[in-house]
């Protein structure tokens, strides 16, 4: 019998930490290069975690948190 992970599982916490780090770095890249046409996130990891990144606010919170 396969058990489903609880919403607050260790895996989800780890993914939230990853999303926060990923968002912080994406925000730094946006400030560094000032992409006027938008910032595109691509790659295998982004594609596989997109649903979580849209649902969890860790990515956007870290992206926007630049001390201004």
PDB file of N, CA and C in Angstrom:
ATOM      1  N   UNK A   1       0.840  -1.177   0.000  1.00  0.00           N
ATOM      2  CA  UNK A   1       0.000   0.000   0.000  1.00  0.00           C
ATOM      3  C   UNK A   1       0.891   1.248   0.000  1.00  0.00           C
ATOM      4  N   UNK A   2       0.608   2.174  -0.885  1.00  0.00           N
ATOM      5  CA  UNK A   2       1.374   3.413  -0.995  1.00  0.00           C
ATOM      6  C   UNK A   2       0.696   4.485  -0.153  1.00  0.00           C
ATOM      7  N   UNK A   3       1.479   5.112   0.704  1.00  0.00           N
ATOM      8  CA  UNK A   3       0.952   6.206   1.514  1.00  0.00           C
ATOM      9  C   UNK A   3       1.236   7.519   0.813  1.00  0.00           C
ATOM     10  N   UNK A   4       0.264   8.395   0.824  1.00  0.00           N
ATOM     11  CA  UNK A   4       0.451   9.719   0.225  1.00  0.00           C
ATOM     12  C   UNK A   4       1.090  10.642   1.248  1.00  0.00           C
ATOM     13  N   UNK A   5       1.941  11.525   0.789  1.00  0.00           N
ATOM     14  CA  UNK A   5       2.634  12.456   1.679  1.00  0.00           C
ATOM     15  C   UNK A   5       1.655  13.464   2.255  1.00  0.00           C
ATOM     16  N   UNK A   6       1.867  13.809   3.489  1.00  0.00           N
ATOM     17  CA  UNK A   6       1.056  14.832   4.133  1.00  0.00           C
ATOM     18  C   UNK A   6       1.425  16.192   3.546  1.00  0.00           C
ATOM     19  N   UNK A   7       0.498  17.160   3.574  1.00  0.00           N
ATOM     20  CA  UNK A   7       0.802  18.483   3.007  1.00  0.00           C
ATOM     21  C   UNK A   7       2.022  19.150   3.641  1.00  0.00           C
ATOM     22  N   UNK A   8       2.279  18.886   4.913  1.00  0.00           N
ATOM     23  CA  UNK A   8       3.423  19.500   5.598  1.00  0.00           C
ATOM     24  C   UNK A   8       4.595  18.529   5.706  1.00  0.00           C
ATOM     25  N   UNK A   9       4.739  17.685   4.732  1.00  0.00           N
ATOM     26  CA  UNK A   9       5.787  16.683   4.781  1.00  0.00           C
ATOM     27  C   UNK A   9       7.172  17.312   4.632  1.00  0.00           C
ATOM     28  N   UNK A  10       8.184  16.544   4.979  1.00  0.00           N
ATOM     29  CA  UNK A  10       9.563  17.009   4.868  1.00  0.00           C
ATOM     30  C   UNK A  10       9.911  17.356   3.423  1.00  0.00           C
ATOM     31  N   UNK A  11       9.382  16.593   2.478  1.00  0.00           N
ATOM     32  CA  UNK A  11       9.637  16.875   1.056  1.00  0.00           C
ATOM     33  C   UNK A  11       9.066  18.231   0.650  1.00  0.00           C
ATOM     34  N   UNK A  12       7.874  18.529   1.124  1.00  0.00           N
ATOM     35  CA  UNK A  12       7.266  19.811   0.775  1.00  0.00           C
ATOM     36  C   UNK A  12       8.018  20.969   1.426  1.00  0.00           C
ATOM     37  N   UNK A  13       8.520  20.771   2.627  1.00  0.00           N
ATOM     38  CA  UNK A  13       9.324  21.799   3.282  1.00  0.00           C
ATOM     39  C   UNK A  13      10.616  22.037   2.501  1.00  0.00           C
ATOM     40  N   UNK A  14      11.244  20.954   2.046  1.00  0.00           N
ATOM     41  CA  UNK A  14      12.476  21.082   1.262  1.00  0.00           C
ATOM     42  C   UNK A  14      12.205  21.803  -0.054  1.00  0.00           C
ATOM     43  N   UNK A  15      11.088  21.492  -0.692  1.00  0.00           N
ATOM     44  CA  UNK A  15      10.736  22.152  -1.943  1.00  0.00           C
ATOM     45  C   UNK A  15      10.444  23.632  -1.720  1.00  0.00           C
ATOM     46  N   UNK A  16       9.871  23.968  -0.582  1.00  0.00           N
ATOM     47  CA  UNK A  16       9.608  25.369  -0.257  1.00  0.00           C
ATOM     48  C   UNK A  16      10.920  26.133  -0.052  1.00  0.00           C
ATOM     49  N   UNK A  17      11.900  25.496   0.585  1.00  0.00           N
ATOM     50  CA  UNK A  17      13.218  26.123   0.749  1.00  0.00           C
ATOM     51  C   UNK A  17      13.875  26.324  -0.614  1.00  0.00           C
ATOM     52  N   UNK A  18      13.792  25.303  -1.472  1.00  0.00           N
ATOM     53  CA  UNK A  18      14.333  25.426  -2.827  1.00  0.00           C
ATOM     54  C   UNK A  18      13.661  26.571  -3.579  1.00  0.00           C
ATOM     55  N   UNK A  19      12.328  26.660  -3.486  1.00  0.00           N
ATOM     56  CA  UNK A  19      11.586  27.712  -4.190  1.00  0.00           C
ATOM     57  C   UNK A  19      12.014  29.091  -3.696  1.00  0.00           C
ATOM     58  N   UNK A  20      12.264  29.204  -2.412  1.00  0.00           N
ATOM     59  CA  UNK A  20      12.709  30.483  -1.849  1.00  0.00           C
ATOM     60  C   UNK A  20      14.094  30.866  -2.379  1.00  0.00           C
ATOM     61  N   UNK A  21      15.006  29.908  -2.412  1.00  0.00           N
ATOM     62  CA  UNK A  21      16.353  30.172  -2.941  1.00  0.00           C
ATOM     63  C   UNK A  21      16.310  30.495  -4.431  1.00  0.00           C
ATOM     64  N   UNK A  22      15.490  29.757  -5.157  1.00  0.00           N
ATOM     65  CA  UNK A  22      15.344  29.951  -6.597  1.00  0.00           C
ATOM     66  C   UNK A  22      14.756  31.336  -6.887  1.00  0.00           C
ATOM     67  N   UNK A  23      13.751  31.725  -6.108  1.00  0.00           N
ATOM     68  CA  UNK A  23      13.133  33.040  -6.282  1.00  0.00           C
ATOM     69  C   UNK A  23      14.084  34.172  -5.948  1.00  0.00           C
ATOM     70  N   UNK A  24      14.881  33.987  -4.892  1.00  0.00           N
ATOM     71  CA  UNK A  24      15.847  35.022  -4.515  1.00  0.00           C
ATOM     72  C   UNK A  24      16.875  35.221  -5.618  1.00  0.00           C
ATOM     73  N   UNK A  25      17.375  34.130  -6.167  1.00  0.00           N
ATOM     74  CA  UNK A  25      18.376  34.241  -7.239  1.00  0.00           C
ATOM     75  C   UNK A  25      17.765  34.808  -8.518  1.00  0.00           C
ATOM     76  N   UNK A  26      16.532  34.426  -8.836  1.00  0.00           N
ATOM     77  CA  UNK A  26      15.865  34.987 -10.014  1.00  0.00           C
ATOM     78  C   UNK A  26      15.668  36.495  -9.852  1.00  0.00           C
ATOM     79  N   UNK A  27      15.375  36.927  -8.624  1.00  0.00           N
ATOM     80  CA  UNK A  27      15.241  38.358  -8.356  1.00  0.00           C
ATOM     81  C   UNK A  27      16.549  39.103  -8.527  1.00  0.00           C
ATOM     82  N   UNK A  28      17.646  38.491  -8.109  1.00  0.00           N
ATOM     83  CA  UNK A  28      18.967  39.092  -8.288  1.00  0.00           C
ATOM     84  C   UNK A  28      19.294  39.222  -9.780  1.00  0.00           C
ATOM     85  N   UNK A  29      18.986  38.182 -10.546  1.00  0.00           N
ATOM     86  CA  UNK A  29      19.227  38.219 -11.994  1.00  0.00           C
ATOM     87  C   UNK A  29      18.392  39.322 -12.633  1.00  0.00           C
ATOM     88  N   UNK A  30      17.143  39.477 -12.179  1.00  0.00           N
ATOM     89  CA  UNK A  30      16.285  40.528 -12.728  1.00  0.00           C
ATOM     90  C   UNK A  30      16.862  41.913 -12.436  1.00  0.00           C
ATOM     91  N   UNK A  31      17.394  42.105 -11.242  1.00  0.00           N
ATOM     92  CA  UNK A  31      18.006  43.401 -10.923  1.00  0.00           C
ATOM     93  C   UNK A  31      19.301  43.624 -11.693  1.00  0.00           C
ATOM     94  N   UNK A  32      20.041  42.572 -11.891  1.00  0.00           N
ATOM     95  CA  UNK A  32      21.334  42.684 -12.570  1.00  0.00           C
ATOM     96  C   UNK A  32      21.178  43.015 -14.052  1.00  0.00           C
ATOM     97  N   UNK A  33      20.246  42.351 -14.722  1.00  0.00           N
ATOM     98  CA  UNK A  33      20.117  42.509 -16.174  1.00  0.00           C
ATOM     99  C   UNK A  33      18.949  43.388 -16.613  1.00  0.00           C
ATOM    100  N   UNK A  34      18.074  43.763 -15.685  1.00  0.00           N
ATOM    101  CA  UNK A  34      16.902  44.603 -15.981  1.00  0.00           C
ATOM    102  C   UNK A  34      16.168  44.141 -17.252  1.00  0.00           C
ATOM    103  N   UNK A  35      15.610  42.933 -17.243  1.00  0.00           N
ATOM    104  CA  UNK A  35      14.951  42.406 -18.447  1.00  0.00           C
ATOM    105  C   UNK A  35      13.604  43.100 -18.686  1.00  0.00           C
ATOM    106  N   UNK A  36      13.590  44.081 -19.578  1.00  0.00           N
ATOM    107  CA  UNK A  36      12.385  44.864 -19.824  1.00  0.00           C
ATOM    108  C   UNK A  36      11.275  44.047 -20.482  1.00  0.00           C
ATOM    109  N   UNK A  37      11.630  42.978 -21.178  1.00  0.00           N
ATOM    110  CA  UNK A  37      10.626  42.130 -21.821  1.00  0.00           C
ATOM    111  C   UNK A  37      10.147  40.988 -20.941  1.00  0.00           C
ATOM    112  N   UNK A  38      10.642  40.897 -19.732  1.00  0.00           N
ATOM    113  CA  UNK A  38      10.242  39.835 -18.819  1.00  0.00           C
ATOM    114  C   UNK A  38      11.392  38.892 -18.540  1.00  0.00           C
ATOM    115  N   UNK A  39      11.236  38.112 -17.515  1.00  0.00           N
ATOM    116  CA  UNK A  39      12.240  37.134 -17.121  1.00  0.00           C
ATOM    117  C   UNK A  39      11.646  35.750 -17.345  1.00  0.00           C
ATOM    118  N   UNK A  40      12.309  34.942 -18.142  1.00  0.00           N
ATOM    119  CA  UNK A  40      11.824  33.609 -18.463  1.00  0.00           C
ATOM    120  C   UNK A  40      12.570  32.569 -17.645  1.00  0.00           C
ATOM    121  N   UNK A  41      11.823  31.737 -16.947  1.00  0.00           N
ATOM    122  CA  UNK A  41      12.406  30.636 -16.190  1.00  0.00           C
ATOM    123  C   UNK A  41      12.234  29.373 -17.015  1.00  0.00           C
ATOM    124  N   UNK A  42      13.333  28.728 -17.338  1.00  0.00           N
ATOM    125  CA  UNK A  42      13.261  27.539 -18.180  1.00  0.00           C
ATOM    126  C   UNK A  42      14.051  26.407 -17.534  1.00  0.00           C
ATOM    127  N   UNK A  43      13.927  25.258 -18.107  1.00  0.00           N
ATOM    128  CA  UNK A  43      14.706  24.120 -17.649  1.00  0.00           C
ATOM    129  C   UNK A  43      13.849  23.023 -17.065  1.00  0.00           C
ATOM    130  N   UNK A  44      14.464  21.896 -16.840  1.00  0.00           N
ATOM    131  CA  UNK A  44      13.757  20.728 -16.346  1.00  0.00           C
ATOM    132  C   UNK A  44      13.210  20.899 -14.943  1.00  0.00           C
ATOM    133  N   UNK A  45      14.003  21.497 -14.063  1.00  0.00           N
ATOM    134  CA  UNK A  45      13.557  21.671 -12.684  1.00  0.00           C
ATOM    135  C   UNK A  45      12.363  22.619 -12.628  1.00  0.00           C
ATOM    136  N   UNK A  46      12.435  23.697 -13.364  1.00  0.00           N
ATOM    137  CA  UNK A  46      11.332  24.657 -13.380  1.00  0.00           C
ATOM    138  C   UNK A  46      10.064  24.010 -13.917  1.00  0.00           C
ATOM    139  N   UNK A  47      10.186  23.257 -14.982  1.00  0.00           N
ATOM    140  CA  UNK A  47       9.025  22.598 -15.568  1.00  0.00           C
ATOM    141  C   UNK A  47       8.375  21.592 -14.634  1.00  0.00           C
ATOM    142  N   UNK A  48       9.202  20.882 -13.886  1.00  0.00           N
ATOM    143  CA  UNK A  48       8.679  19.854 -12.996  1.00  0.00           C
ATOM    144  C   UNK A  48       8.133  20.432 -11.686  1.00  0.00           C
ATOM    145  N   UNK A  49       8.548  21.618 -11.309  1.00  0.00           N
ATOM    146  CA  UNK A  49       8.090  22.220 -10.053  1.00  0.00           C
ATOM    147  C   UNK A  49       7.153  23.404 -10.268  1.00  0.00           C
ATOM    148  N   UNK A  50       6.760  23.675 -11.494  1.00  0.00           N
ATOM    149  CA  UNK A  50       5.951  24.857 -11.795  1.00  0.00           C
ATOM    150  C   UNK A  50       4.650  24.893 -10.999  1.00  0.00           C
ATOM    151  N   UNK A  51       3.984  23.767 -10.870  1.00  0.00           N
ATOM    152  CA  UNK A  51       2.729  23.734 -10.118  1.00  0.00           C
ATOM    153  C   UNK A  51       2.961  24.164  -8.664  1.00  0.00           C
ATOM    154  N   UNK A  52       4.024  23.673  -8.070  1.00  0.00           N
ATOM    155  CA  UNK A  52       4.337  24.054  -6.688  1.00  0.00           C
ATOM    156  C   UNK A  52       4.736  25.520  -6.608  1.00  0.00           C
ATOM    157  N   UNK A  53       5.529  25.992  -7.554  1.00  0.00           N
ATOM    158  CA  UNK A  53       5.972  27.391  -7.541  1.00  0.00           C
ATOM    159  C   UNK A  53       4.789  28.347  -7.653  1.00  0.00           C
ATOM    160  N   UNK A  54       3.768  27.964  -8.398  1.00  0.00           N
ATOM    161  CA  UNK A  54       2.587  28.810  -8.543  1.00  0.00           C
ATOM    162  C   UNK A  54       1.703  28.750  -7.294  1.00  0.00           C
ATOM    163  N   UNK A  55       1.684  27.612  -6.634  1.00  0.00           N
ATOM    164  CA  UNK A  55       0.819  27.415  -5.464  1.00  0.00           C
ATOM    165  C   UNK A  55       1.449  27.996  -4.196  1.00  0.00           C
ATOM    166  N   UNK A  56       2.734  27.790  -4.023  1.00  0.00           N
ATOM    167  CA  UNK A  56       3.445  28.246  -2.824  1.00  0.00           C
ATOM    168  C   UNK A  56       3.946  29.672  -3.067  1.00  0.00           C
ATOM    169  N   UNK A  57       3.907  30.501  -2.046  1.00  0.00           N
ATOM    170  CA  UNK A  57       4.310  31.903  -2.211  1.00  0.00           C
ATOM    171  C   UNK A  57       5.782  32.145  -1.935  1.00  0.00           C
ATOM    172  N   UNK A  58       6.523  31.100  -1.592  1.00  0.00           N
ATOM    173  CA  UNK A  58       7.944  31.268  -1.237  1.00  0.00           C
ATOM    174  C   UNK A  58       8.744  31.844  -2.400  1.00  0.00           C
ATOM    175  N   UNK A  59       8.474  31.396  -3.633  1.00  0.00           N
ATOM    176  CA  UNK A  59       9.219  31.873  -4.795  1.00  0.00           C
ATOM    177  C   UNK A  59       9.008  33.367  -5.001  1.00  0.00           C
ATOM    178  N   UNK A  60       7.763  33.809  -5.096  1.00  0.00           N
ATOM    179  CA  UNK A  60       7.491  35.224  -5.367  1.00  0.00           C
ATOM    180  C   UNK A  60       7.864  36.121  -4.196  1.00  0.00           C
ATOM    181  N   UNK A  61       7.680  35.640  -2.977  1.00  0.00           N
ATOM    182  CA  UNK A  61       8.083  36.436  -1.816  1.00  0.00           C
ATOM    183  C   UNK A  61       9.587  36.700  -1.854  1.00  0.00           C
ATOM    184  N   UNK A  62      10.370  35.667  -2.135  1.00  0.00           N
ATOM    185  CA  UNK A  62      11.833  35.817  -2.209  1.00  0.00           C
ATOM    186  C   UNK A  62      12.238  36.640  -3.416  1.00  0.00           C
ATOM    187  N   UNK A  63      11.535  36.474  -4.535  1.00  0.00           N
ATOM    188  CA  UNK A  63      11.826  37.236  -5.746  1.00  0.00           C
ATOM    189  C   UNK A  63      11.668  38.733  -5.494  1.00  0.00           C
ATOM    190  N   UNK A  64      10.603  39.102  -4.795  1.00  0.00           N
ATOM    191  CA  UNK A  64      10.287  40.511  -4.558  1.00  0.00           C
ATOM    192  C   UNK A  64      11.008  41.119  -3.368  1.00  0.00           C
ATOM    193  N   UNK A  65      11.537  40.313  -2.468  1.00  0.00           N
ATOM    194  CA  UNK A  65      12.157  40.818  -1.244  1.00  0.00           C
ATOM    195  C   UNK A  65      13.599  41.246  -1.520  1.00  0.00           C
ATOM    196  N   UNK A  66      13.752  42.495  -1.915  1.00  0.00           N
ATOM    197  CA  UNK A  66      15.080  43.020  -2.226  1.00  0.00           C
ATOM    198  C   UNK A  66      15.429  44.236  -1.399  1.00  0.00           C
ATOM    199  N   UNK A  67      14.765  44.413  -0.264  1.00  0.00           N
ATOM    200  CA  UNK A  67      15.126  45.475   0.669  1.00  0.00           C
ATOM    201  C   UNK A  67      14.734  46.871   0.243  1.00  0.00           C
ATOM    202  N   UNK A  68      13.824  47.014  -0.674  1.00  0.00           N
ATOM    203  CA  UNK A  68      13.413  48.355  -1.108  1.00  0.00           C
ATOM    204  C   UNK A  68      12.186  48.809  -0.354  1.00  0.00           C
TER     205      UNK A  68
END
